[in-house]
PDB file of N, CA and C in Angstrom:
ATOM      1  N   ILE A   1       8.324  -6.896  10.208  1.00  0.00           N
ATOM      2  CA  ILE A   1       8.551  -5.548   9.714  1.00  0.00           C
ATOM      3  C   ILE A   1      10.017  -5.176   9.880  1.00  0.00           C
ATOM      4  N   SER A   2      10.630  -5.574  11.022  1.00  0.00           N
ATOM      5  CA  SER A   2      12.033  -5.236  11.198  1.00  0.00           C
ATOM      6  C   SER A   2      12.907  -5.955  10.177  1.00  0.00           C
ATOM      7  N   HIS A   3      12.527  -7.168   9.803  1.00  0.00           N
ATOM      8  CA  HIS A   3      13.281  -7.879   8.770  1.00  0.00           C
ATOM      9  C   HIS A   3      13.194  -7.111   7.443  1.00  0.00           C
ATOM     10  N   MET A   4      12.004  -6.618   7.141  1.00  0.00           N
ATOM     11  CA  MET A   4      11.818  -5.864   5.883  1.00  0.00           C
ATOM     12  C   MET A   4      12.633  -4.562   5.903  1.00  0.00           C
ATOM     13  N   LYS A   5      12.764  -3.950   7.080  1.00  0.00           N
ATOM     14  CA  LYS A   5      13.577  -2.726   7.188  1.00  0.00           C
ATOM     15  C   LYS A   5      15.027  -3.010   6.800  1.00  0.00           C
ATOM     16  N   ASN A   6      15.482  -4.224   7.117  1.00  0.00           N
ATOM     17  CA  ASN A   6      16.870  -4.584   6.824  1.00  0.00           C
ATOM     18  C   ASN A   6      17.060  -5.069   5.401  1.00  0.00           C
ATOM     19  N   THR A   7      16.063  -5.733   4.832  1.00  0.00           N
ATOM     20  CA  THR A   7      16.247  -6.362   3.520  1.00  0.00           C
ATOM     21  C   THR A   7      15.740  -5.509   2.362  1.00  0.00           C
ATOM     22  N   MET A   8      14.586  -4.861   2.544  1.00  0.00           N
ATOM     23  CA  MET A   8      14.009  -4.044   1.462  1.00  0.00           C
ATOM     24  C   MET A   8      13.211  -2.897   2.076  1.00  0.00           C
ATOM     25  N   PRO A   9      13.890  -1.908   2.617  1.00  0.00           N
ATOM     26  CA  PRO A   9      13.175  -0.826   3.314  1.00  0.00           C
ATOM     27  C   PRO A   9      12.214  -0.043   2.435  1.00  0.00           C
ATOM     28  N   GLU A  10      12.476   0.037   1.136  1.00  0.00           N
ATOM     29  CA  GLU A  10      11.562   0.785   0.249  1.00  0.00           C
ATOM     30  C   GLU A  10      10.191   0.115   0.164  1.00  0.00           C
ATOM     31  N   ALA A  11      10.106  -1.196   0.441  1.00  0.00           N
ATOM     32  CA  ALA A  11       8.816  -1.884   0.423  1.00  0.00           C
ATOM     33  C   ALA A  11       7.913  -1.393   1.536  1.00  0.00           C
ATOM     34  N   LEU A  12       8.508  -0.889   2.610  1.00  0.00           N
ATOM     35  CA  LEU A  12       7.698  -0.369   3.709  1.00  0.00           C
ATOM     36  C   LEU A  12       6.973   0.912   3.318  1.00  0.00           C
ATOM     37  N   ASN A  13       7.450   1.607   2.300  1.00  0.00           N
ATOM     38  CA  ASN A  13       6.704   2.765   1.798  1.00  0.00           C
ATOM     39  C   ASN A  13       5.373   2.303   1.200  1.00  0.00           C
ATOM     40  N   LEU A  14       5.405   1.238   0.420  1.00  0.00           N
ATOM     41  CA  LEU A  14       4.163   0.682  -0.126  1.00  0.00           C
ATOM     42  C   LEU A  14       3.288   0.141   0.994  1.00  0.00           C
ATOM     43  N   PHE A  15       3.895  -0.487   1.976  1.00  0.00           N
ATOM     44  CA  PHE A  15       3.176  -1.004   3.138  1.00  0.00           C
ATOM     45  C   PHE A  15       2.388   0.119   3.812  1.00  0.00           C
ATOM     46  N   GLY A  16       3.057   1.239   4.062  1.00  0.00           N
ATOM     47  CA  GLY A  16       2.384   2.368   4.679  1.00  0.00           C
ATOM     48  C   GLY A  16       1.290   2.940   3.805  1.00  0.00           C
ATOM     49  N   PHE A  17       1.539   2.982   2.517  1.00  0.00           N
ATOM     50  CA  PHE A  17       0.570   3.526   1.572  1.00  0.00           C
ATOM     51  C   PHE A  17      -0.700   2.682   1.531  1.00  0.00           C
ATOM     52  N   VAL A  18      -0.557   1.372   1.393  1.00  0.00           N
ATOM     53  CA  VAL A  18      -1.723   0.489   1.327  1.00  0.00           C
ATOM     54  C   VAL A  18      -2.491   0.520   2.648  1.00  0.00           C
ATOM     55  N   GLY A  19      -1.772   0.759   3.744  1.00  0.00           N
ATOM     56  CA  GLY A  19      -2.423   0.869   5.036  1.00  0.00           C
ATOM     57  C   GLY A  19      -3.413   2.020   5.121  1.00  0.00           C
ATOM     58  N   LEU A  20      -3.262   3.021   4.275  1.00  0.00           N
ATOM     59  CA  LEU A  20      -4.201   4.145   4.234  1.00  0.00           C
ATOM     60  C   LEU A  20      -5.480   3.791   3.499  1.00  0.00           C
ATOM     61  N   LEU A  21      -5.513   2.642   2.852  1.00  0.00           N
ATOM     62  CA  LEU A  21      -6.651   2.236   2.019  1.00  0.00           C
ATOM     63  C   LEU A  21      -7.248   0.955   2.584  1.00  0.00           C
ATOM     64  N   PRO A  22      -8.041   1.044   3.671  1.00  0.00           N
ATOM     65  CA  PRO A  22      -8.527  -0.168   4.329  1.00  0.00           C
ATOM     66  C   PRO A  22      -9.399  -1.064   3.456  1.00  0.00           C
ATOM     67  N   GLY A  23     -10.017  -0.508   2.427  1.00  0.00           N
ATOM     68  CA  GLY A  23     -10.820  -1.308   1.519  1.00  0.00           C
ATOM     69  C   GLY A  23     -10.010  -1.997   0.439  1.00  0.00           C
ATOM     70  N   GLY A  24      -8.720  -1.704   0.401  1.00  0.00           N
ATOM     71  CA  GLY A  24      -7.836  -2.300  -0.596  1.00  0.00           C
ATOM     72  C   GLY A  24      -7.681  -1.395  -1.796  1.00  0.00           C
ATOM     73  N   VAL A  25      -6.807  -1.829  -2.678  1.00  0.00           N
ATOM     74  CA  VAL A  25      -6.478  -1.035  -3.868  1.00  0.00           C
ATOM     75  C   VAL A  25      -6.157  -2.000  -5.010  1.00  0.00           C
ATOM     76  N   SER A  26      -6.593  -1.673  -6.209  1.00  0.00           N
ATOM     77  CA  SER A  26      -6.400  -2.553  -7.360  1.00  0.00           C
ATOM     78  C   SER A  26      -5.058  -2.282  -8.039  1.00  0.00           C
ATOM     79  N   ASP A  27      -4.699  -3.194  -8.952  1.00  0.00           N
ATOM     80  CA  ASP A  27      -3.479  -3.025  -9.755  1.00  0.00           C
ATOM     81  C   ASP A  27      -3.451  -1.670 -10.459  1.00  0.00           C
ATOM     82  N   ASP A  28      -4.548  -1.366 -11.151  1.00  0.00           N
ATOM     83  CA  ASP A  28      -4.612  -0.117 -11.925  1.00  0.00           C
ATOM     84  C   ASP A  28      -4.496   1.110 -11.024  1.00  0.00           C
ATOM     85  N   GLU A  29      -5.177   1.058  -9.887  1.00  0.00           N
ATOM     86  CA  GLU A  29      -5.114   2.192  -8.958  1.00  0.00           C
ATOM     87  C   GLU A  29      -3.704   2.367  -8.406  1.00  0.00           C
ATOM     88  N   LEU A  30      -3.053   1.261  -8.088  1.00  0.00           N
ATOM     89  CA  LEU A  30      -1.689   1.358  -7.577  1.00  0.00           C
ATOM     90  C   LEU A  30      -0.744   1.939  -8.616  1.00  0.00           C
ATOM     91  N   THR A  31      -0.883   1.497  -9.839  1.00  0.00           N
ATOM     92  CA  THR A  31      -0.013   2.030 -10.900  1.00  0.00           C
ATOM     93  C   THR A  31      -0.270   3.521 -11.088  1.00  0.00           C
ATOM     94  N   GLN A  32      -1.532   3.921 -11.039  1.00  0.00           N
ATOM     95  CA  GLN A  32      -1.882   5.330 -11.191  1.00  0.00           C
ATOM     96  C   GLN A  32      -1.328   6.149 -10.023  1.00  0.00           C
ATOM     97  N   MET A  33      -1.482   5.673  -8.812  1.00  0.00           N
ATOM     98  CA  MET A  33      -1.064   6.459  -7.649  1.00  0.00           C
ATOM     99  C   MET A  33       0.439   6.394  -7.404  1.00  0.00           C
ATOM    100  N   TRP A  34       1.055   5.257  -7.684  1.00  0.00           N
ATOM    101  CA  TRP A  34       2.495   5.102  -7.484  1.00  0.00           C
ATOM    102  C   TRP A  34       3.260   5.770  -8.623  1.00  0.00           C
ATOM    103  N   GLU A  35       2.574   6.002  -9.731  1.00  0.00           N
ATOM    104  CA  GLU A  35       3.100   6.695 -10.918  1.00  0.00           C
ATOM    105  C   GLU A  35       4.134   5.896 -11.704  1.00  0.00           C
ATOM    106  N   ASN A  36       4.261   4.609 -11.407  1.00  0.00           N
ATOM    107  CA  ASN A  36       5.094   3.698 -12.191  1.00  0.00           C
ATOM    108  C   ASN A  36       4.751   2.278 -11.736  1.00  0.00           C
ATOM    109  N   THR A  37       5.448   1.286 -12.282  1.00  0.00           N
ATOM    110  CA  THR A  37       5.145  -0.096 -11.912  1.00  0.00           C
ATOM    111  C   THR A  37       6.152  -0.660 -10.909  1.00  0.00           C
ATOM    112  N   GLU A  38       6.967   0.201 -10.317  1.00  0.00           N
ATOM    113  CA  GLU A  38       7.933  -0.238  -9.305  1.00  0.00           C
ATOM    114  C   GLU A  38       7.237  -0.885  -8.114  1.00  0.00           C
ATOM    115  N   TRP A  39       5.977  -0.530  -7.868  1.00  0.00           N
ATOM    116  CA  TRP A  39       5.241  -1.088  -6.752  1.00  0.00           C
ATOM    117  C   TRP A  39       5.107  -2.604  -6.860  1.00  0.00           C
ATOM    118  N   MET A  40       5.149  -3.146  -8.072  1.00  0.00           N
ATOM    119  CA  MET A  40       4.978  -4.603  -8.247  1.00  0.00           C
ATOM    120  C   MET A  40       6.081  -5.387  -7.551  1.00  0.00           C
ATOM    121  N   ARG A  41       7.311  -4.920  -7.673  1.00  0.00           N
ATOM    122  CA  ARG A  41       8.437  -5.589  -7.020  1.00  0.00           C
ATOM    123  C   ARG A  41       8.295  -5.481  -5.502  1.00  0.00           C
ATOM    124  N   LEU A  42       7.853  -4.338  -5.044  1.00  0.00           N
ATOM    125  CA  LEU A  42       7.675  -4.118  -3.614  1.00  0.00           C
ATOM    126  C   LEU A  42       6.511  -4.952  -3.086  1.00  0.00           C
ATOM    127  N   LYS A  43       5.445  -5.043  -3.882  1.00  0.00           N
ATOM    128  CA  LYS A  43       4.280  -5.861  -3.512  1.00  0.00           C
ATOM    129  C   LYS A  43       4.664  -7.305  -3.338  1.00  0.00           C
ATOM    130  N   ASP A  44       5.511  -7.812  -4.230  1.00  0.00           N
ATOM    131  CA  ASP A  44       5.952  -9.205  -4.136  1.00  0.00           C
ATOM    132  C   ASP A  44       6.687  -9.462  -2.827  1.00  0.00           C
ATOM    133  N   ALA A  45       7.543  -8.545  -2.435  1.00  0.00           N
ATOM    134  CA  ALA A  45       8.292  -8.690  -1.187  1.00  0.00           C
ATOM    135  C   ALA A  45       7.343  -8.649   0.014  1.00  0.00           C
ATOM    136  N   LEU A  46       6.382  -7.747  -0.005  1.00  0.00           N
ATOM    137  CA  LEU A  46       5.418  -7.643   1.099  1.00  0.00           C
ATOM    138  C   LEU A  46       4.520  -8.873   1.181  1.00  0.00           C
ATOM    139  N   THR A  47       4.124  -9.407   0.031  1.00  0.00           N
ATOM    140  CA  THR A  47       3.278 -10.598   0.012  1.00  0.00           C
ATOM    141  C   THR A  47       4.039 -11.807   0.555  1.00  0.00           C
ATOM    142  N   ARG A  48       5.296 -11.949   0.132  1.00  0.00           N
ATOM    143  CA  ARG A  48       6.115 -13.064   0.643  1.00  0.00           C
ATOM    144  C   ARG A  48       6.303 -12.972   2.155  1.00  0.00           C
ATOM    145  N   ALA A  49       6.353 -11.762   2.683  1.00  0.00           N
ATOM    146  CA  ALA A  49       6.524 -11.561   4.121  1.00  0.00           C
ATOM    147  C   ALA A  49       5.179 -11.573   4.869  1.00  0.00           C
ATOM    148  N   SER A  50       4.090 -11.849   4.165  1.00  0.00           N
ATOM    149  CA  SER A  50       2.737 -11.880   4.738  1.00  0.00           C
ATOM    150  C   SER A  50       2.304 -10.538   5.314  1.00  0.00           C
ATOM    151  N   LEU A  51       2.847  -9.452   4.795  1.00  0.00           N
ATOM    152  CA  LEU A  51       2.443  -8.124   5.226  1.00  0.00           C
ATOM    153  C   LEU A  51       1.350  -7.556   4.336  1.00  0.00           C
ATOM    154  N   LEU A  52       1.112  -8.208   3.213  1.00  0.00           N
ATOM    155  CA  LEU A  52       0.116  -7.753   2.240  1.00  0.00           C
ATOM    156  C   LEU A  52      -0.610  -8.991   1.728  1.00  0.00           C
ATOM    157  N   VAL A  53      -1.921  -8.882   1.601  1.00  0.00           N
ATOM    158  CA  VAL A  53      -2.721  -9.985   1.060  1.00  0.00           C
ATOM    159  C   VAL A  53      -3.464  -9.479  -0.177  1.00  0.00           C
ATOM    160  N   PHE A  54      -3.951 -10.402  -0.969  1.00  0.00           N
ATOM    161  CA  PHE A  54      -4.719  -9.984  -2.150  1.00  0.00           C
ATOM    162  C   PHE A  54      -5.855 -10.954  -2.387  1.00  0.00           C
ATOM    163  N   LYS A  55      -6.861 -10.448  -3.075  1.00  0.00           N
ATOM    164  CA  LYS A  55      -8.002 -11.253  -3.487  1.00  0.00           C
ATOM    165  C   LYS A  55      -8.375 -10.813  -4.888  1.00  0.00           C
ATOM    166  N   THR A  56      -9.236 -11.561  -5.525  1.00  0.00           N
ATOM    167  CA  THR A  56      -9.685 -11.225  -6.863  1.00  0.00           C
ATOM    168  C   THR A  56     -11.121 -10.729  -6.766  1.00  0.00           C
ATOM    169  N   ASP A  57     -11.401  -9.592  -7.389  1.00  0.00           N
ATOM    170  CA  ASP A  57     -12.775  -9.079  -7.360  1.00  0.00           C
ATOM    171  C   ASP A  57     -13.605  -9.753  -8.454  1.00  0.00           C
ATOM    172  N   ASN A  58     -14.869  -9.356  -8.574  1.00  0.00           N
ATOM    173  CA  ASN A  58     -15.765 -10.002  -9.541  1.00  0.00           C
ATOM    174  C   ASN A  58     -15.416  -9.697 -10.989  1.00  0.00           C
ATOM    175  N   LYS A  59     -14.488  -8.762 -11.233  1.00  0.00           N
ATOM    176  CA  LYS A  59     -14.033  -8.463 -12.592  1.00  0.00           C
ATOM    177  C   LYS A  59     -12.705  -9.163 -12.907  1.00  0.00           C
ATOM    178  N   GLY A  60     -12.204  -9.938 -11.944  1.00  0.00           N
ATOM    179  CA  GLY A  60     -10.947 -10.654 -12.146  1.00  0.00           C
ATOM    180  C   GLY A  60      -9.707  -9.834 -11.825  1.00  0.00           C
ATOM    181  N   MET A  61      -9.884  -8.642 -11.226  1.00  0.00           N
ATOM    182  CA  MET A  61      -8.734  -7.808 -10.872  1.00  0.00           C
ATOM    183  C   MET A  61      -8.272  -8.146  -9.465  1.00  0.00           C
ATOM    184  N   PHE A  62      -6.967  -8.042  -9.246  1.00  0.00           N
ATOM    185  CA  PHE A  62      -6.426  -8.240  -7.912  1.00  0.00           C
ATOM    186  C   PHE A  62      -6.666  -6.997  -7.074  1.00  0.00           C
ATOM    187  N   ILE A  63      -7.077  -7.204  -5.833  1.00  0.00           N
ATOM    188  CA  ILE A  63      -7.239  -6.134  -4.867  1.00  0.00           C
ATOM    189  C   ILE A  63      -6.275  -6.424  -3.715  1.00  0.00           C
ATOM    190  N   TYR A  64      -5.357  -5.505  -3.465  1.00  0.00           N
ATOM    191  CA  TYR A  64      -4.354  -5.674  -2.423  1.00  0.00           C
ATOM    192  C   TYR A  64      -4.807  -4.946  -1.169  1.00  0.00           C
ATOM    193  N   SER A  65      -4.644  -5.600  -0.035  1.00  0.00           N
ATOM    194  CA  SER A  65      -5.015  -4.997   1.232  1.00  0.00           C
ATOM    195  C   SER A  65      -4.181  -5.649   2.329  1.00  0.00           C
ATOM    196  N   MET A  66      -4.509  -5.327   3.543  1.00  0.00           N
ATOM    197  CA  MET A  66      -3.837  -5.967   4.667  1.00  0.00           C
ATOM    198  C   MET A  66      -4.845  -6.226   5.754  1.00  0.00           C
ATOM    199  N   LEU A  67      -4.477  -7.104   6.656  1.00  0.00           N
ATOM    200  CA  LEU A  67      -5.352  -7.398   7.775  1.00  0.00           C
ATOM    201  C   LEU A  67      -5.470  -6.150   8.649  1.00  0.00           C
ATOM    202  N   PRO A  68      -6.620  -5.983   9.336  1.00  0.00           N
ATOM    203  CA  PRO A  68      -6.845  -4.741  10.093  1.00  0.00           C
ATOM    204  C   PRO A  68      -5.726  -4.397  11.082  1.00  0.00           C
ATOM    205  N   PHE A  69      -5.201  -5.370  11.798  1.00  0.00           N
ATOM    206  CA  PHE A  69      -4.155  -5.046  12.754  1.00  0.00           C
ATOM    207  C   PHE A  69      -2.868  -4.589  12.052  1.00  0.00           C
ATOM    208  N   MET A  70      -2.670  -5.015  10.813  1.00  0.00           N
ATOM    209  CA  MET A  70      -1.505  -4.581  10.059  1.00  0.00           C
ATOM    210  C   MET A  70      -1.669  -3.149   9.565  1.00  0.00           C
ATOM    211  N   SER A  71      -2.912  -2.714   9.329  1.00  0.00           N
ATOM    212  CA  SER A  71      -3.147  -1.335   8.916  1.00  0.00           C
ATOM    213  C   SER A  71      -2.664  -0.371  10.002  1.00  0.00           C
ATOM    214  N   ILE A  72      -2.859  -0.751  11.241  1.00  0.00           N
ATOM    215  CA  ILE A  72      -2.399   0.079  12.356  1.00  0.00           C
ATOM    216  C   ILE A  72      -0.873   0.183  12.331  1.00  0.00           C
ATOM    217  N   ARG A  73      -0.208  -0.936  12.101  1.00  0.00           N
ATOM    218  CA  ARG A  73       1.260  -0.937  12.026  1.00  0.00           C
ATOM    219  C   ARG A  73       1.731  -0.095  10.838  1.00  0.00           C
ATOM    220  N   ALA A  74       1.009  -0.177   9.728  1.00  0.00           N
ATOM    221  CA  ALA A  74       1.385   0.601   8.544  1.00  0.00           C
ATOM    222  C   ALA A  74       1.292   2.089   8.833  1.00  0.00           C
ATOM    223  N   TYR A  75       0.231   2.491   9.529  1.00  0.00           N
ATOM    224  CA  TYR A  75       0.089   3.912   9.851  1.00  0.00           C
ATOM    225  C   TYR A  75       1.188   4.346  10.816  1.00  0.00           C
ATOM    226  N   GLU A  76       1.530   3.484  11.768  1.00  0.00           N
ATOM    227  CA  GLU A  76       2.630   3.804  12.697  1.00  0.00           C
ATOM    228  C   GLU A  76       3.925   4.032  11.929  1.00  0.00           C
ATOM    229  N   TYR A  77       4.132   3.246  10.891  1.00  0.00           N
ATOM    230  CA  TYR A  77       5.337   3.426  10.080  1.00  0.00           C
ATOM    231  C   TYR A  77       5.330   4.804   9.414  1.00  0.00           C
ATOM    232  N   LEU A  78       4.176   5.228   8.911  1.00  0.00           N
ATOM    233  CA  LEU A  78       4.094   6.528   8.244  1.00  0.00           C
ATOM    234  C   LEU A  78       4.197   7.698   9.227  1.00  0.00           C
ATOM    235  N   GLU A  79       3.877   7.468  10.489  1.00  0.00           N
ATOM    236  CA  GLU A  79       3.952   8.559  11.470  1.00  0.00           C
ATOM    237  C   GLU A  79       5.362   9.101  11.616  1.00  0.00           C
ATOM    238  N   THR A  80       6.356   8.308  11.262  1.00  0.00           N
ATOM    239  CA  THR A  80       7.746   8.750  11.418  1.00  0.00           C
ATOM    240  C   THR A  80       8.181   9.678  10.287  1.00  0.00           C
ATOM    241  N   ASP A  81       7.369   9.799   9.241  1.00  0.00           N
ATOM    242  CA  ASP A  81       7.734  10.647   8.098  1.00  0.00           C
ATOM    243  C   ASP A  81       6.527  11.490   7.687  1.00  0.00           C
ATOM    244  N   GLU A  82       6.429  12.647   8.299  1.00  0.00           N
ATOM    245  CA  GLU A  82       5.265  13.529   8.080  1.00  0.00           C
ATOM    246  C   GLU A  82       5.093  13.914   6.611  1.00  0.00           C
ATOM    247  N   GLU A  83       6.183  14.204   5.934  1.00  0.00           N
ATOM    248  CA  GLU A  83       6.114  14.622   4.534  1.00  0.00           C
ATOM    249  C   GLU A  83       5.586  13.500   3.638  1.00  0.00           C
ATOM    250  N   ARG A  84       6.067  12.298   3.852  1.00  0.00           N
ATOM    251  CA  ARG A  84       5.616  11.156   3.057  1.00  0.00           C
ATOM    252  C   ARG A  84       4.153  10.871   3.354  1.00  0.00           C
ATOM    253  N   ARG A  85       3.773  10.916   4.631  1.00  0.00           N
ATOM    254  CA  ARG A  85       2.390  10.658   4.997  1.00  0.00           C
ATOM    255  C   ARG A  85       1.468  11.648   4.311  1.00  0.00           C
ATOM    256  N   HIS A  86       1.842  12.916   4.302  1.00  0.00           N
ATOM    257  CA  HIS A  86       1.022  13.940   3.639  1.00  0.00           C
ATOM    258  C   HIS A  86       0.909  13.650   2.138  1.00  0.00           C
ATOM    259  N   ALA A  87       2.020  13.308   1.502  1.00  0.00           N
ATOM    260  CA  ALA A  87       2.006  13.011   0.058  1.00  0.00           C
ATOM    261  C   ALA A  87       1.098  11.825  -0.230  1.00  0.00           C
ATOM    262  N   TYR A  88       1.152  10.795   0.590  1.00  0.00           N
ATOM    263  CA  TYR A  88       0.302   9.618   0.389  1.00  0.00           C
ATOM    264  C   TYR A  88      -1.168   9.942   0.610  1.00  0.00           C
ATOM    265  N   HIS A  89      -1.457  10.777   1.614  1.00  0.00           N
ATOM    266  CA  HIS A  89      -2.846  11.206   1.831  1.00  0.00           C
ATOM    267  C   HIS A  89      -3.370  11.939   0.616  1.00  0.00           C
ATOM    268  N   MET A  90      -2.559  12.797   0.039  1.00  0.00           N
ATOM    269  CA  MET A  90      -2.981  13.553  -1.150  1.00  0.00           C
ATOM    270  C   MET A  90      -3.253  12.611  -2.316  1.00  0.00           C
ATOM    271  N   LYS A  91      -2.428  11.592  -2.492  1.00  0.00           N
ATOM    272  CA  LYS A  91      -2.665  10.621  -3.572  1.00  0.00           C
ATOM    273  C   LYS A  91      -3.987   9.901  -3.344  1.00  0.00           C
ATOM    274  N   CYS A  92      -4.265   9.548  -2.098  1.00  0.00           N
ATOM    275  CA  CYS A  92      -5.536   8.886  -1.784  1.00  0.00           C
ATOM    276  C   CYS A  92      -6.712   9.809  -2.079  1.00  0.00           C
ATOM    277  N   CYS A  93      -6.580  11.080  -1.719  1.00  0.00           N
ATOM    278  CA  CYS A  93      -7.658  12.049  -1.997  1.00  0.00           C
ATOM    279  C   CYS A  93      -7.922  12.162  -3.490  1.00  0.00           C
ATOM    280  N   ARG A  94      -6.864  12.190  -4.286  1.00  0.00           N
ATOM    281  CA  ARG A  94      -7.044  12.274  -5.745  1.00  0.00           C
ATOM    282  C   ARG A  94      -7.752  11.037  -6.290  1.00  0.00           C
ATOM    283  N   LEU A  95      -7.437   9.862  -5.723  1.00  0.00           N
ATOM    284  CA  LEU A  95      -8.118   8.644  -6.142  1.00  0.00           C
ATOM    285  C   LEU A  95      -9.593   8.688  -5.740  1.00  0.00           C
ATOM    286  N   PHE A  96      -9.879   9.053  -4.505  1.00  0.00           N
ATOM    287  CA  PHE A  96     -11.234   9.024  -3.999  1.00  0.00           C
ATOM    288  C   PHE A  96     -12.135  10.062  -4.673  1.00  0.00           C
ATOM    289  N   LYS A  97     -11.574  11.162  -5.138  1.00  0.00           N
ATOM    290  CA  LYS A  97     -12.407  12.169  -5.798  1.00  0.00           C
ATOM    291  C   LYS A  97     -13.033  11.594  -7.067  1.00  0.00           C
ATOM    292  N   ASP A  98     -12.386  10.617  -7.688  1.00  0.00           N
ATOM    293  CA  ASP A  98     -12.922   9.996  -8.888  1.00  0.00           C
ATOM    294  C   ASP A  98     -14.129   9.105  -8.575  1.00  0.00           C
ATOM    295  N   TYR A  99     -14.269   8.693  -7.321  1.00  0.00           N
ATOM    296  CA  TYR A  99     -15.376   7.818  -6.938  1.00  0.00           C
ATOM    297  C   TYR A  99     -16.574   8.589  -6.417  1.00  0.00           C
ATOM    298  N   CYS A 100     -16.372   9.848  -6.097  1.00  0.00           N
ATOM    299  CA  CYS A 100     -17.476  10.638  -5.496  1.00  0.00           C
ATOM    300  C   CYS A 100     -18.230  11.416  -6.551  1.00  0.00           C
TER     301      CYS A 100
END
């Protein structure tokens, strides 16, 4: 994580965001919530650093998530920025309302 802070700190925003979604998040959901496709470049950096993993669901879509102990680290990262954490929580709420 400290290496990522030095090389691509904006990727840690995506790291913190995905950490709020323990069940993972799909390509489409990320594009919808991130509001652009900039997350793809950040996802690549996180995947190369083994901070983010992905699997394919039964529809052939990628689902991005992280190992449980990494979710804790992701939340710790968001604790340092109350405003960002609140904004990410609101994005998650908007996504989850579509499932309920």
